[in-house]
Amino acid sequence: DPEYDLQTNTQSTINLLRFAKDNGCKKFIYASTMSVYGEQPDKPISENNNTEPKSFYAVGKLASENYMKIYSEFGISCTSLRLFNVYGPGQNMDNLRQGMISIYLSQALNTRNIIVKGDKNRFRDMVYIDDVVSAFKMCLKIESKSYKFYNVCTGKRSTVGKVIQLIEKHLPFKIHVTYSGSTPGDIFGIYGCNKKIFDEIGWIPKTSLEDGLKKMINTHI
């Protein structure tokens, strides 16, 4: 639904940027997405890579980043955080269209079956929610008035098969897994490089995939 994505991801951002400008807001921090990169080579993706969005959602997010770049010229410190695959306690377990780990875990808890759309060798960069919150908090300290954008990622390549394996390992019951079909606009694999955010503001992820999954599972069993 491109019109819905345009309104929720781009028009809403423009409204907030305009509000910030009119009310003297000095900092604007935005939750962008790794989806702006699109399909990329199998290597860590840095902020220097080209952006080639493949979904309406990603197009809207990239447009919002560009509006922020313009609004930073009005004296607002604008920062975009390109979030990779965020997961953790508090994630919406009822939305089976968003969040790879929450989708699989929700299926496992509710039906003891996981239906995976796509190949088990697809890969993502899974970053735990506490680490993401830490990145947002650290961005509050940025003093630069120019537009900034950073990857928020672990720099580690985690396959769908590995995620399923860890879910099976930490659930107290057996589950059945089926691999079938694919998701339109979904990329095969991507993982990021977090050197820029570490060098400039000192952020580094602290939670491993297994520890993060254990914490998430323990809140639901």
Protein backbone atom coordinates (compact mmCIF):
# COMPACT_ATOMS: atom_id res chain seq x y z
CA ASP A 1 0.00 0.00 0.00
CA PRO A 2 2.31 2.82 -1.21
CA GLU A 3 -0.09 5.62 -0.19
CA TYR A 4 -0.32 4.31 3.36
CA ASP A 5 3.48 4.03 3.57
CA LEU A 6 3.87 7.54 2.19
CA GLN A 7 1.52 8.98 4.82
CA THR A 8 2.84 7.05 7.82
CA ASN A 9 6.56 7.13 7.06
CA THR A 10 7.09 10.34 5.10
CA GLN A 11 4.21 12.77 5.52
CA SER A 12 4.26 12.20 9.29
CA THR A 13 8.00 12.92 9.37
CA ILE A 14 7.55 16.15 7.40
CA ASN A 15 4.83 17.22 9.86
CA LEU A 16 7.14 16.60 12.82
CA LEU A 17 10.08 18.35 11.17
CA ARG A 18 7.90 21.37 10.46
CA PHE A 19 6.72 21.35 14.09
CA ALA A 20 10.33 21.14 15.29
CA LYS A 21 11.35 24.09 13.12
CA ASP A 22 8.38 26.24 14.17
CA ASN A 23 8.92 25.53 17.88
CA GLY A 24 12.69 25.86 18.13
CA CYS A 25 13.41 22.16 18.65
CA LYS A 26 17.18 21.63 18.46
CA LYS A 27 17.40 17.84 18.05
CA PHE A 28 15.51 15.40 15.83
CA ILE A 29 16.33 11.67 15.97
CA TYR A 30 14.68 9.33 13.47
CA ALA A 31 14.19 5.57 13.36
CA SER A 32 15.16 4.71 9.80
CA THR A 33 15.87 1.23 8.46
CA MET A 34 18.50 -0.95 6.84
CA SER A 35 15.89 -1.56 4.11
CA VAL A 36 17.07 1.64 2.40
CA TYR A 37 20.13 -0.31 1.20
CA GLY A 38 18.11 -2.91 -0.71
CA GLU A 39 19.94 -5.96 -2.08
CA GLN A 40 23.67 -5.75 -1.35
CA PRO A 41 26.76 -8.00 -1.65
CA ASP A 42 27.37 -10.58 1.08
CA LYS A 43 29.67 -8.38 3.16
CA PRO A 44 29.24 -5.82 5.97
CA ILE A 45 27.27 -2.86 4.64
CA SER A 46 28.52 0.59 5.66
CA GLU A 47 26.90 3.99 5.38
CA ASN A 48 29.00 4.53 2.24
CA ASN A 49 27.07 1.87 0.32
CA ASN A 50 24.54 3.01 -2.25
CA THR A 51 20.86 3.04 -1.26
CA GLU A 52 18.63 0.92 -3.52
CA PRO A 53 15.27 0.51 -1.73
CA LYS A 54 13.13 -2.38 -3.00
CA SER A 55 9.91 -1.80 -1.05
CA PHE A 56 7.43 1.07 -0.61
CA TYR A 57 8.36 1.13 3.09
CA ALA A 58 12.06 1.60 2.31
CA VAL A 59 11.36 4.30 -0.30
CA GLY A 60 9.37 6.27 2.30
CA LYS A 61 12.09 5.92 4.92
CA LEU A 62 14.79 7.12 2.53
CA ALA A 63 12.63 10.07 1.51
CA SER A 64 12.26 10.99 5.19
CA GLU A 65 16.05 10.92 5.59
CA ASN A 66 16.40 13.36 2.71
CA TYR A 67 13.82 15.72 4.22
CA MET A 68 15.82 15.62 7.46
CA LYS A 69 18.95 16.56 5.54
CA ILE A 70 17.16 19.68 4.27
CA TYR A 71 15.69 20.59 7.68
CA SER A 72 19.13 20.33 9.29
CA GLU A 73 19.96 23.49 7.32
CA PHE A 74 17.44 25.31 9.53
CA GLY A 75 19.60 24.65 12.60
CA ILE A 76 18.03 21.38 13.77
CA SER A 77 20.49 18.62 14.71
CA CYS A 78 18.99 15.76 12.65
CA THR A 79 20.14 12.17 13.09
CA SER A 80 18.87 9.06 11.29
CA LEU A 81 19.49 5.65 12.80
CA ARG A 82 19.32 2.91 10.19
CA LEU A 83 18.07 0.10 12.38
CA PHE A 84 18.81 -3.44 11.32
CA ASN A 85 16.57 -6.29 12.57
CA VAL A 86 15.45 -5.17 16.03
CA TYR A 87 14.00 -7.75 18.43
CA GLY A 88 13.33 -8.21 22.13
CA PRO A 89 10.77 -8.09 24.94
CA GLY A 90 7.83 -5.79 24.23
CA GLN A 91 7.77 -6.50 20.49
CA ASN A 92 4.27 -6.88 19.01
CA MET A 93 3.70 -10.64 18.92
CA ASP A 94 0.31 -10.25 17.24
CA ASN A 95 1.66 -8.61 14.08
CA LEU A 96 2.68 -11.52 11.85
CA ARG A 97 3.85 -9.19 9.07
CA GLN A 98 6.62 -7.41 10.96
CA GLY A 99 9.69 -8.57 12.87
CA MET A 100 11.30 -11.84 11.80
CA ILE A 101 12.07 -13.16 15.30
CA SER A 102 8.73 -12.09 16.80
CA ILE A 103 6.85 -13.75 13.92
CA TYR A 104 8.65 -17.06 14.39
CA LEU A 105 8.41 -16.96 18.18
CA SER A 106 4.71 -16.06 18.10
CA GLN A 107 3.98 -18.98 15.80
CA ALA A 108 5.96 -21.35 18.01
CA LEU A 109 4.21 -20.25 21.21
CA ASN A 110 0.70 -20.24 19.76
CA THR A 111 0.75 -23.29 17.47
CA ARG A 112 4.05 -25.09 18.13
CA ASN A 113 4.63 -24.74 14.39
CA ILE A 114 6.82 -22.23 12.53
CA ILE A 115 6.16 -21.48 8.86
CA VAL A 116 9.17 -19.79 7.29
CA LYS A 117 8.61 -17.93 4.03
CA GLY A 118 11.89 -18.30 2.16
CA ASP A 119 15.23 -20.07 2.38
CA LYS A 120 16.78 -20.95 5.76
CA ASN A 121 20.11 -19.58 4.51
CA ARG A 122 18.74 -16.03 4.26
CA PHE A 123 20.55 -13.83 6.74
CA ARG A 124 20.04 -10.68 8.79
CA ASP A 125 21.79 -8.59 11.43
CA MET A 126 19.77 -9.05 14.64
CA VAL A 127 20.17 -6.22 17.15
CA TYR A 128 18.65 -6.38 20.65
CA ILE A 129 16.22 -3.68 21.79
CA ASP A 130 18.27 -2.54 24.81
CA ASP A 131 21.23 -1.84 22.52
CA VAL A 132 18.97 0.12 20.14
CA VAL A 133 17.61 2.26 23.01
CA SER A 134 21.20 2.92 24.07
CA ALA A 135 21.99 4.22 20.55
CA PHE A 136 19.07 6.67 20.67
CA LYS A 137 20.12 7.94 24.09
CA MET A 138 23.71 8.45 22.97
CA CYS A 139 22.51 10.46 19.95
CA LEU A 140 21.07 13.04 22.36
CA LYS A 141 24.66 14.08 23.07
CA ILE A 142 25.50 14.87 19.44
CA GLU A 143 26.44 18.55 19.20
CA SER A 144 26.86 18.84 15.42
CA LYS A 145 24.22 20.85 13.52
CA SER A 146 24.84 18.92 10.31
CA TYR A 147 22.79 15.89 9.27
CA LYS A 148 24.11 12.57 10.63
CA PHE A 149 23.13 8.98 9.82
CA TYR A 150 24.35 5.72 11.33
CA ASN A 151 23.87 1.98 11.08
CA VAL A 152 22.60 0.41 14.30
CA CYS A 153 23.68 -3.20 13.95
CA THR A 154 25.86 -5.91 15.46
CA GLY A 155 28.04 -6.44 12.40
CA LYS A 156 27.23 -10.17 12.62
CA ARG A 157 25.58 -12.34 9.95
CA SER A 158 22.78 -14.48 11.45
CA THR A 159 20.91 -16.94 9.21
CA VAL A 160 17.22 -17.76 9.50
CA GLY A 161 18.25 -21.36 10.21
CA LYS A 162 20.37 -20.19 13.19
CA VAL A 163 17.47 -18.14 14.60
CA ILE A 164 15.12 -21.13 14.33
CA GLN A 165 17.74 -23.37 15.95
CA LEU A 166 18.08 -21.03 18.94
CA ILE A 167 14.30 -20.72 19.34
CA GLU A 168 14.04 -24.53 19.37
CA LYS A 169 16.90 -24.76 21.87
CA HIS A 170 15.36 -22.41 24.45
CA LEU A 171 11.69 -23.39 24.25
CA PRO A 172 10.55 -26.00 26.78
CA PHE A 173 8.63 -27.97 24.11
CA LYS A 174 9.16 -29.40 20.63
CA ILE A 175 8.15 -27.41 17.55
CA HIS A 176 7.70 -28.25 13.87
CA VAL A 177 9.28 -26.05 11.18
CA THR A 178 8.14 -25.72 7.54
CA TYR A 179 9.97 -23.75 4.83
CA SER A 180 7.64 -22.49 2.09
CA GLY A 181 7.29 -19.68 -0.47
CA SER A 182 8.78 -16.20 -0.10
CA THR A 183 7.86 -12.60 0.81
CA PRO A 184 7.54 -10.04 -2.03
CA GLY A 185 10.20 -7.31 -1.83
CA ASP A 186 12.16 -9.23 0.79
CA ILE A 187 15.94 -9.18 0.36
CA PHE A 188 17.94 -12.42 0.63
CA GLY A 189 20.48 -11.15 3.10
CA ILE A 190 22.09 -8.12 4.68
CA TYR A 191 24.29 -7.34 7.66
CA GLY A 192 25.91 -4.11 8.66
CA CYS A 193 29.11 -2.39 9.67
CA ASN A 194 28.89 -0.33 12.89
CA LYS A 195 32.34 1.28 12.71
CA LYS A 196 31.01 4.80 12.01
CA ILE A 197 28.67 4.95 15.02
CA PHE A 198 31.39 3.52 17.26
CA ASP A 199 34.02 5.97 16.01
CA GLU A 200 31.79 9.05 16.25
CA ILE A 201 29.66 8.50 19.37
CA GLY A 202 31.14 5.37 21.00
CA TRP A 203 28.12 3.07 20.61
CA ILE A 204 28.65 -0.68 20.52
CA PRO A 205 26.11 -3.54 20.89
CA LYS A 206 26.46 -5.61 24.06
CA THR A 207 23.87 -8.40 23.69
CA SER A 208 24.52 -11.61 21.76
CA LEU A 209 21.75 -13.15 19.66
CA GLU A 210 21.42 -16.15 21.97
CA ASP A 211 21.28 -14.05 25.15
CA GLY A 212 18.76 -11.67 23.59
CA LEU A 213 16.54 -14.52 22.40
CA LYS A 214 16.65 -16.17 25.82
CA LYS A 215 15.50 -12.91 27.46
CA MET A 216 12.71 -12.49 24.90
CA ILE A 217 11.50 -16.09 25.25
CA ASN A 218 11.57 -15.94 29.06
CA THR A 219 9.07 -13.05 29.02
CA HIS A 220 6.55 -15.26 27.22
CA ILE A 221 6.83 -18.65 28.94
